[in-house]
Structures are given as structure tokens and as C-alpha cells.
Amino acid sequence: MTTNDIRPLAGVRVLELGNYIAAPTAGRMLADFGAEVIKVERPVTGDELRTWRLYSGDTSMLYRTINRNKKSIVVDLKTQRGRQIILDLVGHCDVVLENFRPGTLEKWGLGPNDLDQVNPDLVITRISAFGQTGPMSARPGFAAVAEAFGGLRELVGDPDRPPVRTGVSIGDSIAGIYAAFGTVMALFQRERVKVPLSQRVIDVALNESVLSVMESLVPDYQAYGVTRERVGGRMEGIAPSNAYPCADGSSIIVAGNGNAIFQRYMQMIGRPDLATDPELQTNAGRWRRREELDAAIGEWTIQYGRDDALKLLDEAGVPSGPIYTAADICSDPQYAARNMVQDFEVDTGGLEKQVVGFPGIVPVIGPASLPIRSVGPDLGAHTSEIFSSLLGLSDDEIGALT
């Protein structure tokens, strides 16, 4: 079986009208599994992500990562000719992905009704801050705002300090994953029955995507009157589970909150009194005494270096692990065994290209991550190819457009 045989979306063509992270993440996932994703970028500057976290050169590794396995074309959507090209391309596509503010595509004559007239089987996946309907639909918003609206920001950080943000654009990424999932659902349904336009428009809101991973935040409030609060490195209601310091200055994560695990855990750290304490036999009791438990565990971990502490925990069957940096990930044998860091030669702004590792494709199909076909393309690298092969434009016509 070849790699192409296990790319389930081979033969699907996607037109991506998205910038930044949310819609491009959806496009990346579809491309990872075989879809031909044609990324439409504005002239001269392209997707703004090209210059985000740019340390040298003209294209960031963030762009190269989010837009891997795609093709880049340049089209000016602010011109009538550019919008007509989009309509012409839509006739050759299965999916359109977009993350403009609601109403923008309609203003350009590229709304769902316009696209449906060109291609009545088209799946249209739309990502926005608050969705395409409702009183807040017209408002702009990035992931930071959505994470606050969705309830996540309130729970991140320490209780005696203002809320903080996670170190990645998690709201955008979650929305992108939902968008990819919704797209595949619509494609699957389309293969079985004739689907009306209303069911081929996938509406993903950033704030709702965040809310959907907040577990029982709302039910706990309405059922019990419980308002969850920030608890630092812990997870509310679960103990003991936290980060603990080691003798070498590093910290480790230990999740000893299962009932049976807790018994082994406490015996191993030399606290049989805690292992047999009646109140600590359930998670509720352990949570009430979380400060005491964390202090006891910290007194044990601080006696050992990271690797020694983890070895002892592993031998006792207690879930634990190091807190990895990028360097740790790059040298880890587990990631290597599953092809989860894949090397490419890329332009990093120096005199010569440099070998750079990129995160592998998830989920794994087979024994290891599928190979990445290409990293995010240079701006407009595929304009001539797409315009010629799909639209039949001549070199002169393409030259006049670009």
C-alpha cells in the first residue's frame, strides 16, 4: 500500500479564502489527508501570518506550519476580475473555506447563494468570531476575545492574579478542527443524498468552539450553583495532579488522582499515613486536602533530579512526565518513532536553506504519521499552475492578472 492509498481525502479540492489561523488550520487538516487545498492570498503581502513570529527571511515558520501541503495563488478579491476568478474556480471545487467577518463575502457577490449558483454541490465552511447569525454576528474578534467569551480565559492562571492566556492560539485551532470535522461530515452526507444549501453551509464560531471544550462549566453552574475558578496548575476537583519541583531545577507533572493510583503513589513517597487516611480514599476528600497533598509530594520530588523522580514514579505505575521544551520534543524517541517531527529544508533568511523540523500529521493512520508533502508555499507559487490547469488561461492572461 502506498502513501497515496491511505490519504482518505484524495480527490477532494478545497478553495481556502482564509487568513491567520482558524480557517487555514481547517485547510491544513484537509490537506494533510489528501485534499488539494488551493489557498487564495492577496497580492504583495499574502496572508498576514507570513510575517507573524518572523525572526528572519520573508516567511515565518508559523505560516510554513499552518499552510503545509497547500498550493498558493494570488487573487485580488477587491477587484471584479478577481472575484470572477473565484467564481470560476468554485466550479471546480468541492469545498470553500473562509473566515472573513460575516457579510464580507455577500458584499463581494461571493456569498453562499452566489456560490451555490455556480456549484450546487459545494460545501461552504465559514468561521467567524460569533457565528453567522445572532446579535453579535457582525462583530469582529480574534481568538483572544473568543477564549474570554467561551469561558476559558477565566479558568487559566492563578486565583490571586488576573486571568492569563495559553501560549498558543488555542481558540483558533479548536475552531479549525471543528471546521474540518464539519466539512468532512458535509462531504460524507453529500455522497449519500442530495443536500440543500442550508445543510452545506457549516457555521463555526470561535466562542462556541471554545465553549464546547469547557466540559461541565455551564451544567455545574445551573445544577449546583458552582462557579469554577482559577486553580493554577491544578484541575478543579481533581487531586493530586500538579507540577512539582525537582532537585535539578526542573519540574515534572504527576497525575496521581485515581483511587488505586493514589495508594501506590503515597506508599512510594513514604507517606503510608496518607495512603490509608479514610478521607483521602475518594477524590472529593483529596481535593479538600489538596494543599497538604501537594506539599507532601513536593517534599519528595525536590529530593530527586527529574529523570530519577520519573523513573521511580514509572516503576510504581504512577502517571507522570517531564515538562518538555521544543528541544526536548526534537530529541524524544517516542515522537521520532511515530514520525511526529518531520524535517524539511526551508529558507530561514540565511545564505543557505536550513533543515527544520515540523510537527507531524495527526491522527496517525497506520504505524506512524503520514509524511508531510510540502511546507507552506511561497506566495503565489501555484498561481500559473492553477489558472492554466483549471481555468485554461494562457500565459499572457495570467501575466495580466498577476
Protein backbone atom coordinates (compact mmCIF):
# COMPACT_ATOMS: atom_id res chain seq x y z
CA MET A 1 0.00 0.00 0.00
CA THR A 2 1.41 3.40 -1.00
CA THR A 3 1.08 6.64 0.94
CA ASN A 4 -1.49 7.89 -1.57
CA ASP A 5 -3.65 4.83 -0.87
CA ILE A 6 -4.12 5.94 2.76
CA ARG A 7 -4.98 9.58 2.09
CA PRO A 8 -8.77 9.39 2.51
CA LEU A 9 -9.48 12.88 1.10
CA ALA A 10 -7.56 12.39 -2.15
CA GLY A 11 -9.68 13.76 -5.00
CA VAL A 12 -11.31 16.49 -2.89
CA ARG A 13 -10.48 20.05 -3.95
CA VAL A 14 -10.74 22.92 -1.46
CA LEU A 15 -10.60 26.66 -2.11
CA GLU A 16 -9.32 28.40 1.01
CA LEU A 17 -10.22 32.06 1.40
CA GLY A 18 -8.85 32.27 4.92
CA ASN A 19 -6.14 34.21 6.68
CA TYR A 20 -4.48 33.87 10.07
CA ILE A 21 -5.03 30.55 11.88
CA ALA A 22 -8.64 29.29 12.14
CA ALA A 23 -9.66 28.59 8.53
CA PRO A 24 -6.06 27.76 7.50
CA THR A 25 -5.96 25.15 10.28
CA ALA A 26 -9.05 23.52 8.81
CA GLY A 27 -7.44 23.67 5.38
CA ARG A 28 -4.25 22.16 6.74
CA MET A 29 -6.11 19.20 8.20
CA LEU A 30 -7.93 18.55 4.94
CA ALA A 31 -4.68 18.88 3.00
CA ASP A 32 -2.85 16.58 5.41
CA PHE A 33 -5.16 13.75 4.45
CA GLY A 34 -5.00 14.22 0.71
CA ALA A 35 -7.28 17.09 -0.30
CA GLU A 36 -5.92 19.55 -2.85
CA VAL A 37 -6.16 22.83 -0.97
CA ILE A 38 -5.77 25.98 -3.04
CA LYS A 39 -5.02 28.90 -0.75
CA VAL A 40 -6.08 32.29 -2.09
CA GLU A 41 -3.85 35.16 -0.92
CA ARG A 42 -3.93 38.89 -1.51
CA PRO A 43 -1.31 40.41 -3.83
CA VAL A 44 2.07 41.58 -2.48
CA THR A 45 1.63 40.72 1.21
CA GLY A 46 -0.35 37.48 1.15
CA ASP A 47 -1.71 36.00 4.36
CA GLU A 48 -0.69 38.17 7.31
CA LEU A 49 0.56 35.03 9.04
CA ARG A 50 3.59 35.17 6.73
CA THR A 51 5.08 37.86 8.98
CA TRP A 52 3.81 36.68 12.37
CA ARG A 53 6.67 35.48 14.57
CA LEU A 54 9.05 36.18 11.70
CA TYR A 55 12.62 36.21 13.02
CA SER A 56 14.37 36.41 9.65
CA GLY A 57 13.64 35.90 5.96
CA ASP A 58 10.26 36.76 4.45
CA THR A 59 8.03 33.84 5.52
CA SER A 60 7.53 32.71 9.11
CA MET A 61 7.74 29.12 10.28
CA LEU A 62 4.24 29.67 11.65
CA TYR A 63 2.97 30.20 8.11
CA ARG A 64 5.01 27.25 6.81
CA THR A 65 3.45 25.05 9.50
CA ILE A 66 -0.21 26.09 9.27
CA ASN A 67 -0.22 26.09 5.47
CA ARG A 68 1.66 22.89 4.73
CA ASN A 69 0.54 20.62 1.90
CA LYS A 70 -1.30 23.52 0.21
CA LYS A 71 -0.97 25.47 -3.03
CA SER A 72 -0.82 29.27 -3.03
CA ILE A 73 -2.39 31.51 -5.65
CA VAL A 74 -2.65 35.29 -5.71
CA VAL A 75 -6.06 36.86 -6.40
CA ASP A 76 -7.24 40.37 -5.61
CA LEU A 77 -10.73 39.89 -4.17
CA LYS A 78 -11.29 43.65 -4.16
CA THR A 79 -11.49 43.68 -7.96
CA GLN A 80 -14.34 42.46 -10.14
CA ARG A 81 -11.95 40.34 -12.19
CA GLY A 82 -10.55 38.74 -9.04
CA ARG A 83 -14.00 37.86 -7.77
CA GLN A 84 -14.91 36.37 -11.13
CA ILE A 85 -11.84 34.16 -10.98
CA ILE A 86 -13.03 32.88 -7.59
CA LEU A 87 -16.43 32.04 -9.06
CA ASP A 88 -14.74 30.26 -11.95
CA LEU A 89 -12.59 28.24 -9.55
CA VAL A 90 -15.58 27.36 -7.37
CA GLY A 91 -16.99 25.40 -10.28
CA HIS A 92 -14.01 23.04 -9.98
CA CYS A 93 -14.04 22.69 -6.18
CA ASP A 94 -15.82 20.63 -3.54
CA VAL A 95 -15.31 23.00 -0.61
CA VAL A 96 -14.85 26.69 0.09
CA LEU A 97 -13.28 27.63 3.43
CA GLU A 98 -13.46 31.22 4.70
CA ASN A 99 -13.03 33.22 7.87
CA PHE A 100 -13.99 36.76 6.91
CA ARG A 101 -16.30 38.85 9.06
CA PRO A 102 -19.93 37.80 8.32
CA GLY A 103 -21.34 39.73 5.38
CA THR A 104 -18.00 40.31 3.66
CA LEU A 105 -18.39 37.60 1.04
CA GLU A 106 -22.00 38.62 0.42
CA LYS A 107 -20.83 42.21 -0.17
CA TRP A 108 -18.41 40.92 -2.79
CA GLY A 109 -21.03 38.79 -4.53
CA LEU A 110 -19.42 35.60 -3.19
CA GLY A 111 -21.96 34.63 -0.56
CA PRO A 112 -23.42 31.12 -0.28
CA ASN A 113 -26.28 31.83 -2.68
CA ASP A 114 -23.85 33.16 -5.29
CA LEU A 115 -21.52 30.19 -4.89
CA ASP A 116 -24.42 27.73 -4.95
CA GLN A 117 -25.50 29.03 -8.36
CA VAL A 118 -22.07 28.14 -9.70
CA ASN A 119 -21.74 24.80 -7.92
CA PRO A 120 -24.92 23.33 -6.36
CA ASP A 121 -22.96 20.61 -4.57
CA LEU A 122 -20.43 22.92 -2.93
CA VAL A 123 -19.73 22.67 0.81
CA ILE A 124 -19.19 26.14 2.30
CA THR A 125 -17.40 26.23 5.65
CA ARG A 126 -17.45 29.58 7.42
CA ILE A 127 -15.52 30.55 10.55
CA SER A 128 -16.16 33.79 12.39
CA ALA A 129 -15.89 35.22 15.87
CA PHE A 130 -19.52 34.72 16.91
CA GLY A 131 -21.17 32.87 14.02
CA GLN A 132 -23.18 33.98 11.01
CA THR A 133 -26.38 34.73 12.98
CA GLY A 134 -27.35 36.32 16.30
CA PRO A 135 -26.97 39.84 17.72
CA MET A 136 -23.14 39.65 17.86
CA SER A 137 -22.57 38.09 14.45
CA ALA A 138 -21.32 41.28 12.80
CA ARG A 139 -18.65 41.92 15.43
CA PRO A 140 -15.02 41.21 14.62
CA GLY A 141 -12.95 39.17 17.02
CA PHE A 142 -9.77 37.16 17.31
CA ALA A 143 -9.21 34.02 19.37
CA ALA A 144 -8.23 36.00 22.47
CA VAL A 145 -11.71 37.53 22.59
CA ALA A 146 -13.40 34.22 21.83
CA GLU A 147 -11.45 32.43 24.56
CA ALA A 148 -12.75 35.01 27.03
CA PHE A 149 -16.34 34.77 25.76
CA GLY A 150 -16.21 30.97 25.76
CA GLY A 151 -15.25 30.75 29.44
CA LEU A 152 -11.68 29.52 29.01
CA ARG A 153 -9.75 32.64 29.97
CA GLU A 154 -11.46 32.85 33.37
CA LEU A 155 -10.03 29.45 34.31
CA VAL A 156 -6.41 29.93 33.20
CA GLY A 157 -3.88 31.17 35.73
CA ASP A 158 -3.57 31.53 39.48
CA PRO A 159 -6.54 32.52 41.65
CA ASP A 160 -4.83 35.60 43.11
CA ARG A 161 -3.92 37.09 39.73
CA PRO A 162 -5.82 38.24 36.64
CA PRO A 163 -6.66 35.57 34.05
CA VAL A 164 -3.94 34.74 31.55
CA ARG A 165 -3.81 33.23 28.09
CA THR A 166 -2.38 29.91 26.98
CA GLY A 167 0.81 30.15 24.91
CA VAL A 168 -0.86 29.29 21.58
CA SER A 169 -3.95 30.48 19.70
CA ILE A 170 -5.98 27.63 21.11
CA GLY A 171 -9.36 29.14 20.22
CA ASP A 172 -8.43 29.41 16.56
CA SER A 173 -7.05 25.89 16.50
CA ILE A 174 -10.13 24.38 18.13
CA ALA A 175 -12.38 26.21 15.67
CA GLY A 176 -10.25 24.98 12.78
CA ILE A 177 -10.56 21.39 13.95
CA TYR A 178 -14.34 21.72 14.21
CA ALA A 179 -14.44 23.31 10.77
CA ALA A 180 -12.51 20.41 9.26
CA PHE A 181 -14.80 17.93 11.01
CA GLY A 182 -17.91 19.76 9.81
CA THR A 183 -16.55 19.85 6.27
CA VAL A 184 -15.91 16.12 6.20
CA MET A 185 -19.40 15.46 7.62
CA ALA A 186 -20.96 17.54 4.84
CA LEU A 187 -18.88 15.79 2.19
CA PHE A 188 -19.94 12.42 3.58
CA GLN A 189 -23.61 13.40 3.60
CA ARG A 190 -23.32 14.76 0.07
CA GLU A 191 -22.21 11.35 -1.15
CA ARG A 192 -25.39 9.75 0.18
CA VAL A 193 -28.20 12.21 -0.54
CA LYS A 194 -28.92 15.48 -2.29
CA VAL A 195 -28.19 18.10 0.32
CA PRO A 196 -29.87 21.54 0.36
CA LEU A 197 -27.69 24.64 0.61
CA SER A 198 -28.68 25.29 4.23
CA GLN A 199 -27.09 21.99 5.25
CA ARG A 200 -24.00 22.53 3.12
CA VAL A 201 -23.10 25.75 4.94
CA ILE A 202 -21.02 24.89 8.01
CA ASP A 203 -21.10 27.74 10.54
CA VAL A 204 -18.26 27.65 13.07
CA ALA A 205 -17.99 30.36 15.75
CA LEU A 206 -14.77 30.82 17.68
CA ASN A 207 -16.51 31.46 21.00
CA GLU A 208 -18.78 28.42 20.61
CA SER A 209 -15.83 26.23 19.72
CA VAL A 210 -14.16 27.24 22.96
CA LEU A 211 -17.37 26.76 24.95
CA SER A 212 -17.72 23.24 23.56
CA VAL A 213 -14.48 22.11 25.25
CA MET A 214 -15.33 23.65 28.62
CA GLU A 215 -16.69 20.34 29.86
CA SER A 216 -19.40 20.81 32.51
CA LEU A 217 -18.80 24.53 33.14
CA VAL A 218 -22.41 25.53 32.41
CA PRO A 219 -24.18 22.42 33.77
CA ASP A 220 -22.26 22.65 37.06
CA TYR A 221 -23.35 26.27 37.42
CA GLN A 222 -27.01 25.60 36.67
CA ALA A 223 -27.28 22.33 38.56
CA TYR A 224 -25.27 23.19 41.67
CA GLY A 225 -24.66 26.93 41.58
CA VAL A 226 -20.93 26.25 41.23
CA THR A 227 -18.81 28.89 39.51
CA ARG A 228 -15.47 27.39 38.61
CA GLU A 229 -12.39 29.43 39.45
CA ARG A 230 -8.73 29.54 38.50
CA VAL A 231 -6.66 26.99 40.40
CA GLY A 232 -3.21 27.46 38.88
CA GLY A 233 -1.54 24.24 37.79
CA ARG A 234 -4.33 22.08 39.17
CA MET A 235 -7.59 20.94 37.60
CA GLU A 236 -10.53 21.89 39.81
CA GLY A 237 -11.97 18.94 41.70
CA ILE A 238 -9.10 16.57 40.81
CA ALA A 239 -6.25 15.80 43.21
CA PRO A 240 -3.42 15.23 43.47
CA SER A 241 -2.48 16.38 39.98
CA ASN A 242 0.00 19.21 39.55
CA ALA A 243 3.53 20.26 38.64
CA TYR A 244 6.19 19.58 41.26
CA PRO A 245 9.78 20.88 41.58
CA CYS A 246 12.85 18.64 41.29
CA ALA A 247 16.36 18.97 42.70
CA ASP A 248 17.88 19.93 39.34
CA GLY A 249 15.65 22.98 38.94
CA SER A 250 13.19 21.34 36.57
CA SER A 251 9.60 20.40 37.30
CA ILE A 252 7.53 17.34 36.47
CA ILE A 253 3.84 16.64 36.04
CA VAL A 254 2.34 13.90 38.20
CA ALA A 255 -1.28 12.81 37.89
CA GLY A 256 -1.92 10.54 40.86
CA ASN A 257 -5.63 11.23 41.21
CA GLY A 258 -7.04 7.75 40.52
CA ASN A 259 -8.09 5.91 43.69
CA ALA A 260 -5.83 2.89 43.18
CA ILE A 261 -3.01 5.00 41.79
CA PHE A 262 -3.15 7.27 44.82
CA GLN A 263 -2.49 4.32 47.13
CA ARG A 264 0.68 3.33 45.24
CA TYR A 265 1.72 6.96 44.91
CA MET A 266 1.63 7.72 48.63
CA GLN A 267 3.36 4.46 49.57
CA MET A 268 6.14 5.24 47.12
CA ILE A 269 6.81 8.71 48.53
CA GLY A 270 6.98 7.30 52.04
CA ARG A 271 3.58 8.53 53.25
CA PRO A 272 1.59 5.39 54.12
CA ASP A 273 -0.42 7.54 56.54
CA LEU A 274 -1.88 9.44 53.60
CA ALA A 275 -2.44 6.24 51.62
CA THR A 276 -4.63 4.82 54.40
CA ASP A 277 -6.33 8.02 55.56
CA PRO A 278 -10.12 7.40 55.27
CA GLU A 279 -10.86 10.91 53.98
CA LEU A 280 -8.38 10.52 51.15
CA GLN A 281 -9.92 7.38 49.67
CA THR A 282 -12.11 9.47 47.36
CA ASN A 283 -11.27 12.29 45.01
CA ALA A 284 -13.58 14.70 46.83
CA GLY A 285 -11.62 14.27 50.05
CA ARG A 286 -8.29 14.58 48.28
CA TRP A 287 -9.42 17.82 46.67
CA ARG A 288 -10.34 19.27 50.07
CA ARG A 289 -6.83 18.49 51.28
CA ARG A 290 -5.02 19.34 48.05
CA GLU A 291 -2.64 21.78 49.68
CA GLU A 292 -1.47 19.16 52.17
CA LEU A 293 -1.03 16.54 49.45
CA ASP A 294 0.86 18.85 47.12
CA ALA A 295 3.20 19.83 49.95
CA ALA A 296 3.94 16.19 50.75
CA ILE A 297 4.58 15.35 47.10
CA GLY A 298 6.77 18.41 46.62
CA GLU A 299 8.88 17.41 49.62
CA TRP A 300 9.52 14.08 47.88
CA THR A 301 10.19 15.35 44.33
CA ILE A 302 12.65 18.02 45.49
CA GLN A 303 14.98 15.24 46.68
CA TYR A 304 15.48 13.89 43.13
CA GLY A 305 16.51 15.09 39.71
CA ARG A 306 13.87 14.98 37.02
CA ASP A 307 14.90 11.69 35.41
CA ASP A 308 15.34 9.85 38.73
CA ALA A 309 11.95 11.01 40.01
CA LEU A 310 10.21 9.98 36.80
CA LYS A 311 11.91 6.57 36.86
CA LEU A 312 10.64 5.87 40.37
CA LEU A 313 7.13 7.06 39.50
CA ASP A 314 7.08 4.92 36.38
CA GLU A 315 8.17 1.85 38.33
CA ALA A 316 5.30 2.47 40.75
CA GLY A 317 2.79 2.82 37.91
CA VAL A 318 2.03 6.47 38.64
CA PRO A 319 1.26 8.59 35.51
CA SER A 320 3.92 11.26 35.22
CA GLY A 321 6.07 13.06 32.72
CA PRO A 322 8.56 15.84 32.07
CA ILE A 323 7.56 19.35 31.06
CA TYR A 324 9.02 19.47 27.58
CA THR A 325 10.61 22.33 25.71
CA ALA A 326 10.93 22.38 21.93
CA ALA A 327 14.43 20.93 22.29
CA ASP A 328 13.07 18.02 24.33
CA ILE A 329 10.42 17.26 21.72
CA CYS A 330 13.01 17.25 18.93
CA SER A 331 15.14 14.62 20.70
CA ASP A 332 12.35 12.43 22.10
CA PRO A 333 12.36 8.81 20.83
CA GLN A 334 8.57 8.42 21.12
CA TYR A 335 7.92 11.34 18.79
CA ALA A 336 10.63 10.04 16.45
CA ALA A 337 9.16 6.53 16.37
CA ARG A 338 5.82 7.91 15.16
CA ASN A 339 7.32 10.39 12.67
CA MET A 340 5.96 13.33 14.63
CA VAL A 341 8.81 15.71 13.81
CA GLN A 342 9.49 15.79 10.07
CA ASP A 343 12.49 17.55 8.57
CA PHE A 344 12.43 19.91 5.57
CA GLU A 345 14.95 22.23 4.01
CA VAL A 346 13.49 25.73 4.17
CA ASP A 347 14.58 29.30 3.62
CA THR A 348 15.11 30.86 7.03
CA GLY A 349 16.64 34.10 5.77
CA GLY A 350 20.24 32.90 5.68
CA LEU A 351 22.54 32.32 2.74
CA GLU A 352 21.56 28.66 2.53
CA LYS A 353 18.43 26.70 3.33
CA GLN A 354 18.27 25.11 6.76
CA VAL A 355 16.86 21.77 7.89
CA VAL A 356 13.86 22.48 10.11
CA GLY A 357 11.56 20.03 11.89
CA PHE A 358 7.79 20.45 11.56
CA PRO A 359 5.07 18.74 13.64
CA GLY A 360 3.70 15.58 12.06
CA ILE A 361 0.19 14.80 10.88
CA VAL A 362 -2.46 13.85 13.47
CA PRO A 363 -4.27 11.48 13.73
CA VAL A 364 -1.97 8.65 12.77
CA ILE A 365 -3.19 6.24 10.10
CA GLY A 366 -1.06 3.11 10.16
CA PRO A 367 2.08 2.80 12.27
CA ALA A 368 3.25 6.42 12.09
CA SER A 369 2.33 9.92 10.97
CA LEU A 370 1.78 10.31 7.26
CA PRO A 371 4.59 12.21 5.57
CA ILE A 372 4.09 15.93 5.03
CA ARG A 373 4.21 16.55 1.29
CA SER A 374 5.37 20.15 1.45
CA VAL A 375 5.62 23.02 3.92
CA GLY A 376 3.65 26.26 3.46
CA PRO A 377 4.33 27.55 -0.07
CA ASP A 378 5.90 30.78 -1.23
CA LEU A 379 3.37 33.48 -2.09
CA GLY A 380 1.67 32.73 -5.39
CA ALA A 381 3.85 29.71 -6.11
CA HIS A 382 0.99 27.87 -7.81
CA THR A 383 -0.88 30.72 -9.49
CA SER A 384 0.18 29.82 -13.03
CA GLU A 385 -0.41 26.11 -12.48
CA ILE A 386 -3.96 26.55 -11.14
CA PHE A 387 -5.04 29.25 -13.58
CA SER A 388 -3.74 27.21 -16.50
CA SER A 389 -4.94 23.74 -15.50
CA LEU A 390 -8.36 24.65 -14.06
CA LEU A 391 -9.31 27.83 -15.88
CA GLY A 392 -7.45 27.32 -19.16
CA LEU A 393 -5.86 30.77 -19.06
CA SER A 394 -2.90 31.49 -21.31
CA ASP A 395 0.45 32.73 -20.05
CA ASP A 396 -0.40 36.23 -21.31
CA GLU A 397 -3.75 36.21 -19.49
CA ILE A 398 -2.10 35.01 -16.32
CA GLY A 399 0.60 37.64 -16.63
CA ALA A 400 -2.02 40.37 -16.97
CA LEU A 401 -3.64 39.24 -13.73
CA THR A 402 -0.51 38.89 -11.63
